[in-house]
Amino acid sequence: MTTKSQTLAGSQSGQRIATGLFALFLGAFFIFGAGFAHSQALHDTAHDVRHAFGFPCH
């Protein structure tokens, strides 16, 4: 029984680069989104997330 395996190094490398760039842009979006949002909007969002997870906050 002979098994052949073939990997494409360029494809794996390209996928890793694309994943890294996506993570970079997503992180920048979150940082700048939080940085330019009004403090009341951030508080309300955090409050809603606590309720969504079932964590009692008041």
PDB file of N, CA and C in Angstrom:
ATOM      1  N   MET A   1       0.853  -1.162   0.000  1.00  0.00           N
ATOM      2  CA  MET A   1       0.000   0.000   0.000  1.00  0.00           C
ATOM      3  C   MET A   1       0.904   1.231   0.000  1.00  0.00           C
ATOM      4  N   THR A   2       0.735   2.054  -0.994  1.00  0.00           N
ATOM      5  CA  THR A   2       1.544   3.260  -1.124  1.00  0.00           C
ATOM      6  C   THR A   2       0.652   4.485  -0.906  1.00  0.00           C
ATOM      7  N   THR A   3       1.135   5.381  -0.059  1.00  0.00           N
ATOM      8  CA  THR A   3       0.382   6.606   0.210  1.00  0.00           C
ATOM      9  C   THR A   3       1.212   7.794  -0.217  1.00  0.00           C
ATOM     10  N   LYS A   4       0.611   8.645  -0.981  1.00  0.00           N
ATOM     11  CA  LYS A   4       1.295   9.858  -1.411  1.00  0.00           C
ATOM     12  C   LYS A   4       0.672  11.045  -0.706  1.00  0.00           C
ATOM     13  N   SER A   5       1.514  11.897  -0.200  1.00  0.00           N
ATOM     14  CA  SER A   5       1.007  13.133   0.394  1.00  0.00           C
ATOM     15  C   SER A   5       1.735  14.300  -0.243  1.00  0.00           C
ATOM     16  N   GLN A   6       0.994  15.300  -0.520  1.00  0.00           N
ATOM     17  CA  GLN A   6       1.562  16.458  -1.181  1.00  0.00           C
ATOM     18  C   GLN A   6       1.096  17.694  -0.435  1.00  0.00           C
ATOM     19  N   THR A   7       2.045  18.532  -0.051  1.00  0.00           N
ATOM     20  CA  THR A   7       1.690  19.777   0.617  1.00  0.00           C
ATOM     21  C   THR A   7       2.162  20.942  -0.225  1.00  0.00           C
ATOM     22  N   LEU A   8       1.440  21.985  -0.154  1.00  0.00           N
ATOM     23  CA  LEU A   8       1.796  23.189  -0.873  1.00  0.00           C
ATOM     24  C   LEU A   8       2.255  24.219   0.154  1.00  0.00           C
ATOM     25  N   ALA A   9       3.551  24.418   0.247  1.00  0.00           N
ATOM     26  CA  ALA A   9       4.102  25.328   1.239  1.00  0.00           C
ATOM     27  C   ALA A   9       3.624  26.746   1.011  1.00  0.00           C
ATOM     28  N   GLY A  10       3.490  27.152  -0.222  1.00  0.00           N
ATOM     29  CA  GLY A  10       3.024  28.499  -0.523  1.00  0.00           C
ATOM     30  C   GLY A  10       1.598  28.721  -0.067  1.00  0.00           C
ATOM     31  N   SER A  11       0.770  27.720  -0.219  1.00  0.00           N
ATOM     32  CA  SER A  11      -0.625  27.830   0.195  1.00  0.00           C
ATOM     33  C   SER A  11      -0.734  27.968   1.707  1.00  0.00           C
ATOM     34  N   GLN A  12       0.015  27.178   2.441  1.00  0.00           N
ATOM     35  CA  GLN A  12      -0.019  27.256   3.901  1.00  0.00           C
ATOM     36  C   GLN A  12       0.542  28.581   4.374  1.00  0.00           C
ATOM     37  N   SER A  13       1.597  29.039   3.756  1.00  0.00           N
ATOM     38  CA  SER A  13       2.196  30.312   4.134  1.00  0.00           C
ATOM     39  C   SER A  13       1.231  31.458   3.845  1.00  0.00           C
ATOM     40  N   GLY A  14       0.589  31.430   2.708  1.00  0.00           N
ATOM     41  CA  GLY A  14      -0.379  32.464   2.354  1.00  0.00           C
ATOM     42  C   GLY A  14      -1.561  32.485   3.294  1.00  0.00           C
ATOM     43  N   GLN A  15      -1.998  31.310   3.710  1.00  0.00           N
ATOM     44  CA  GLN A  15      -3.122  31.223   4.640  1.00  0.00           C
ATOM     45  C   GLN A  15      -2.727  31.786   5.998  1.00  0.00           C
ATOM     46  N   ARG A  16      -1.517  31.524   6.434  1.00  0.00           N
ATOM     47  CA  ARG A  16      -1.053  32.043   7.723  1.00  0.00           C
ATOM     48  C   ARG A  16      -0.940  33.566   7.679  1.00  0.00           C
ATOM     49  N   ILE A  17      -0.463  34.092   6.570  1.00  0.00           N
ATOM     50  CA  ILE A  17      -0.351  35.545   6.429  1.00  0.00           C
ATOM     51  C   ILE A  17      -1.738  36.182   6.417  1.00  0.00           C
ATOM     52  N   ALA A  18      -2.666  35.583   5.681  1.00  0.00           N
ATOM     53  CA  ALA A  18      -4.026  36.113   5.617  1.00  0.00           C
ATOM     54  C   ALA A  18      -4.693  36.079   6.989  1.00  0.00           C
ATOM     55  N   THR A  19      -4.501  35.008   7.731  1.00  0.00           N
ATOM     56  CA  THR A  19      -5.067  34.905   9.068  1.00  0.00           C
ATOM     57  C   THR A  19      -4.461  35.947   9.998  1.00  0.00           C
ATOM     58  N   GLY A  20      -3.157  36.144   9.904  1.00  0.00           N
ATOM     59  CA  GLY A  20      -2.493  37.151  10.734  1.00  0.00           C
ATOM     60  C   GLY A  20      -2.966  38.559  10.412  1.00  0.00           C
ATOM     61  N   LEU A  21      -3.122  38.863   9.122  1.00  0.00           N
ATOM     62  CA  LEU A  21      -3.613  40.190   8.736  1.00  0.00           C
ATOM     63  C   LEU A  21      -5.053  40.409   9.184  1.00  0.00           C
ATOM     64  N   PHE A  22      -5.865  39.374   9.079  1.00  0.00           N
ATOM     65  CA  PHE A  22      -7.247  39.486   9.547  1.00  0.00           C
ATOM     66  C   PHE A  22      -7.279  39.767  11.047  1.00  0.00           C
ATOM     67  N   ALA A  23      -6.462  39.050  11.818  1.00  0.00           N
ATOM     68  CA  ALA A  23      -6.410  39.275  13.262  1.00  0.00           C
ATOM     69  C   ALA A  23      -5.913  40.680  13.577  1.00  0.00           C
ATOM     70  N   LEU A  24      -4.949  41.165  12.832  1.00  0.00           N
ATOM     71  CA  LEU A  24      -4.413  42.512  13.042  1.00  0.00           C
ATOM     72  C   LEU A  24      -5.493  43.565  12.791  1.00  0.00           C
ATOM     73  N   PHE A  25      -6.195  43.454  11.675  1.00  0.00           N
ATOM     74  CA  PHE A  25      -7.235  44.430  11.362  1.00  0.00           C
ATOM     75  C   PHE A  25      -8.414  44.336  12.325  1.00  0.00           C
ATOM     76  N   LEU A  26      -8.777  43.142  12.732  1.00  0.00           N
ATOM     77  CA  LEU A  26      -9.868  42.985  13.683  1.00  0.00           C
ATOM     78  C   LEU A  26      -9.499  43.602  15.032  1.00  0.00           C
ATOM     79  N   GLY A  27      -8.278  43.366  15.490  1.00  0.00           N
ATOM     80  CA  GLY A  27      -7.824  43.960  16.744  1.00  0.00           C
ATOM     81  C   GLY A  27      -7.772  45.475  16.663  1.00  0.00           C
ATOM     82  N   ALA A  28      -7.275  46.010  15.547  1.00  0.00           N
ATOM     83  CA  ALA A  28      -7.224  47.465  15.373  1.00  0.00           C
ATOM     84  C   ALA A  28      -8.636  48.045  15.357  1.00  0.00           C
ATOM     85  N   PHE A  29      -9.563  47.341  14.732  1.00  0.00           N
ATOM     86  CA  PHE A  29     -10.952  47.798  14.715  1.00  0.00           C
ATOM     87  C   PHE A  29     -11.512  47.884  16.131  1.00  0.00           C
ATOM     88  N   PHE A  30     -11.241  46.881  16.951  1.00  0.00           N
ATOM     89  CA  PHE A  30     -11.742  46.894  18.328  1.00  0.00           C
ATOM     90  C   PHE A  30     -11.091  48.003  19.149  1.00  0.00           C
ATOM     91  N   ILE A  31      -9.781  48.162  19.021  1.00  0.00           N
ATOM     92  CA  ILE A  31      -9.072  49.184  19.794  1.00  0.00           C
ATOM     93  C   ILE A  31      -9.546  50.586  19.406  1.00  0.00           C
ATOM     94  N   PHE A  32      -9.585  50.873  18.106  1.00  0.00           N
ATOM     95  CA  PHE A  32     -10.014  52.200  17.676  1.00  0.00           C
ATOM     96  C   PHE A  32     -11.506  52.403  17.893  1.00  0.00           C
ATOM     97  N   GLY A  33     -12.282  51.338  17.755  1.00  0.00           N
ATOM     98  CA  GLY A  33     -13.719  51.450  18.021  1.00  0.00           C
ATOM     99  C   GLY A  33     -13.990  51.797  19.470  1.00  0.00           C
ATOM    100  N   ALA A  34     -13.256  51.166  20.377  1.00  0.00           N
ATOM    101  CA  ALA A  34     -13.412  51.486  21.796  1.00  0.00           C
ATOM    102  C   ALA A  34     -12.818  52.845  22.119  1.00  0.00           C
ATOM    103  N   GLY A  35     -11.760  53.222  21.442  1.00  0.00           N
ATOM    104  CA  GLY A  35     -11.103  54.497  21.716  1.00  0.00           C
ATOM    105  C   GLY A  35     -11.935  55.696  21.304  1.00  0.00           C
ATOM    106  N   PHE A  36     -12.712  55.561  20.236  1.00  0.00           N
ATOM    107  CA  PHE A  36     -13.492  56.692  19.749  1.00  0.00           C
ATOM    108  C   PHE A  36     -14.960  56.643  20.178  1.00  0.00           C
ATOM    109  N   ALA A  37     -15.362  55.594  20.871  1.00  0.00           N
ATOM    110  CA  ALA A  37     -16.750  55.492  21.319  1.00  0.00           C
ATOM    111  C   ALA A  37     -16.956  56.343  22.569  1.00  0.00           C
ATOM    112  N   HIS A  38     -18.169  56.769  22.769  1.00  0.00           N
ATOM    113  CA  HIS A  38     -18.499  57.527  23.973  1.00  0.00           C
ATOM    114  C   HIS A  38     -18.494  56.585  25.168  1.00  0.00           C
ATOM    115  N   SER A  39     -18.112  57.102  26.330  1.00  0.00           N
ATOM    116  CA  SER A  39     -17.984  56.238  27.506  1.00  0.00           C
ATOM    117  C   SER A  39     -19.325  55.622  27.887  1.00  0.00           C
ATOM    118  N   GLN A  40     -20.416  56.339  27.701  1.00  0.00           N
ATOM    119  CA  GLN A  40     -21.726  55.778  28.026  1.00  0.00           C
ATOM    120  C   GLN A  40     -22.059  54.603  27.111  1.00  0.00           C
ATOM    121  N   ALA A  41     -21.673  54.684  25.852  1.00  0.00           N
ATOM    122  CA  ALA A  41     -21.922  53.583  24.913  1.00  0.00           C
ATOM    123  C   ALA A  41     -21.129  52.350  25.327  1.00  0.00           C
ATOM    124  N   LEU A  42     -19.888  52.550  25.767  1.00  0.00           N
ATOM    125  CA  LEU A  42     -19.080  51.409  26.225  1.00  0.00           C
ATOM    126  C   LEU A  42     -19.670  50.791  27.484  1.00  0.00           C
ATOM    127  N   HIS A  43     -20.119  51.631  28.403  1.00  0.00           N
ATOM    128  CA  HIS A  43     -20.721  51.119  29.636  1.00  0.00           C
ATOM    129  C   HIS A  43     -21.979  50.314  29.316  1.00  0.00           C
ATOM    130  N   ASP A  44     -22.824  50.859  28.454  1.00  0.00           N
ATOM    131  CA  ASP A  44     -24.059  50.160  28.107  1.00  0.00           C
ATOM    132  C   ASP A  44     -23.779  48.826  27.416  1.00  0.00           C
ATOM    133  N   THR A  45     -22.768  48.807  26.559  1.00  0.00           N
ATOM    134  CA  THR A  45     -22.405  47.572  25.869  1.00  0.00           C
ATOM    135  C   THR A  45     -21.910  46.522  26.857  1.00  0.00           C
ATOM    136  N   ALA A  46     -21.020  46.935  27.769  1.00  0.00           N
ATOM    137  CA  ALA A  46     -20.515  46.000  28.783  1.00  0.00           C
ATOM    138  C   ALA A  46     -21.657  45.501  29.666  1.00  0.00           C
ATOM    139  N   HIS A  47     -22.577  46.375  29.993  1.00  0.00           N
ATOM    140  CA  HIS A  47     -23.725  46.006  30.823  1.00  0.00           C
ATOM    141  C   HIS A  47     -24.587  44.968  30.108  1.00  0.00           C
ATOM    142  N   ASP A  48     -24.845  45.183  28.819  1.00  0.00           N
ATOM    143  CA  ASP A  48     -25.658  44.236  28.052  1.00  0.00           C
ATOM    144  C   ASP A  48     -24.960  42.891  27.906  1.00  0.00           C
ATOM    145  N   VAL A  49     -23.648  42.897  27.756  1.00  0.00           N
ATOM    146  CA  VAL A  49     -22.901  41.641  27.643  1.00  0.00           C
ATOM    147  C   VAL A  49     -22.975  40.860  28.946  1.00  0.00           C
ATOM    148  N   ARG A  50     -22.861  41.555  30.074  1.00  0.00           N
ATOM    149  CA  ARG A  50     -22.987  40.860  31.368  1.00  0.00           C
ATOM    150  C   ARG A  50     -24.344  40.182  31.471  1.00  0.00           C
ATOM    151  N   HIS A  51     -25.402  40.876  31.075  1.00  0.00           N
ATOM    152  CA  HIS A  51     -26.736  40.270  31.124  1.00  0.00           C
ATOM    153  C   HIS A  51     -26.860  39.111  30.137  1.00  0.00           C
ATOM    154  N   ALA A  52     -26.254  39.232  28.968  1.00  0.00           N
ATOM    155  CA  ALA A  52     -26.339  38.165  27.972  1.00  0.00           C
ATOM    156  C   ALA A  52     -25.699  36.877  28.476  1.00  0.00           C
ATOM    157  N   PHE A  53     -24.633  37.020  29.292  1.00  0.00           N
ATOM    158  CA  PHE A  53     -23.963  35.843  29.841  1.00  0.00           C
ATOM    159  C   PHE A  53     -24.613  35.354  31.130  1.00  0.00           C
ATOM    160  N   GLY A  54     -25.658  36.029  31.569  1.00  0.00           N
ATOM    161  CA  GLY A  54     -26.363  35.612  32.774  1.00  0.00           C
ATOM    162  C   GLY A  54     -25.685  36.021  34.058  1.00  0.00           C
ATOM    163  N   PHE A  55     -24.794  36.998  33.980  1.00  0.00           N
ATOM    164  CA  PHE A  55     -24.067  37.464  35.161  1.00  0.00           C
ATOM    165  C   PHE A  55     -24.865  38.599  35.803  1.00  0.00           C
ATOM    166  N   PRO A  56     -25.299  38.430  37.039  1.00  0.00           N
ATOM    167  CA  PRO A  56     -26.063  39.501  37.681  1.00  0.00           C
ATOM    168  C   PRO A  56     -25.154  40.687  38.021  1.00  0.00           C
ATOM    169  N   CYS A  57     -25.562  41.872  37.616  1.00  0.00           N
ATOM    170  CA  CYS A  57     -24.716  43.028  37.864  1.00  0.00           C
ATOM    171  C   CYS A  57     -25.434  44.092  38.681  1.00  0.00           C
ATOM    172  N   HIS A  58     -26.690  43.875  39.012  1.00  0.00           N
ATOM    173  CA  HIS A  58     -27.378  44.814  39.909  1.00  0.00           C
ATOM    174  C   HIS A  58     -28.531  44.130  40.579  1.00  0.00           C
TER     175      HIS A  58
END
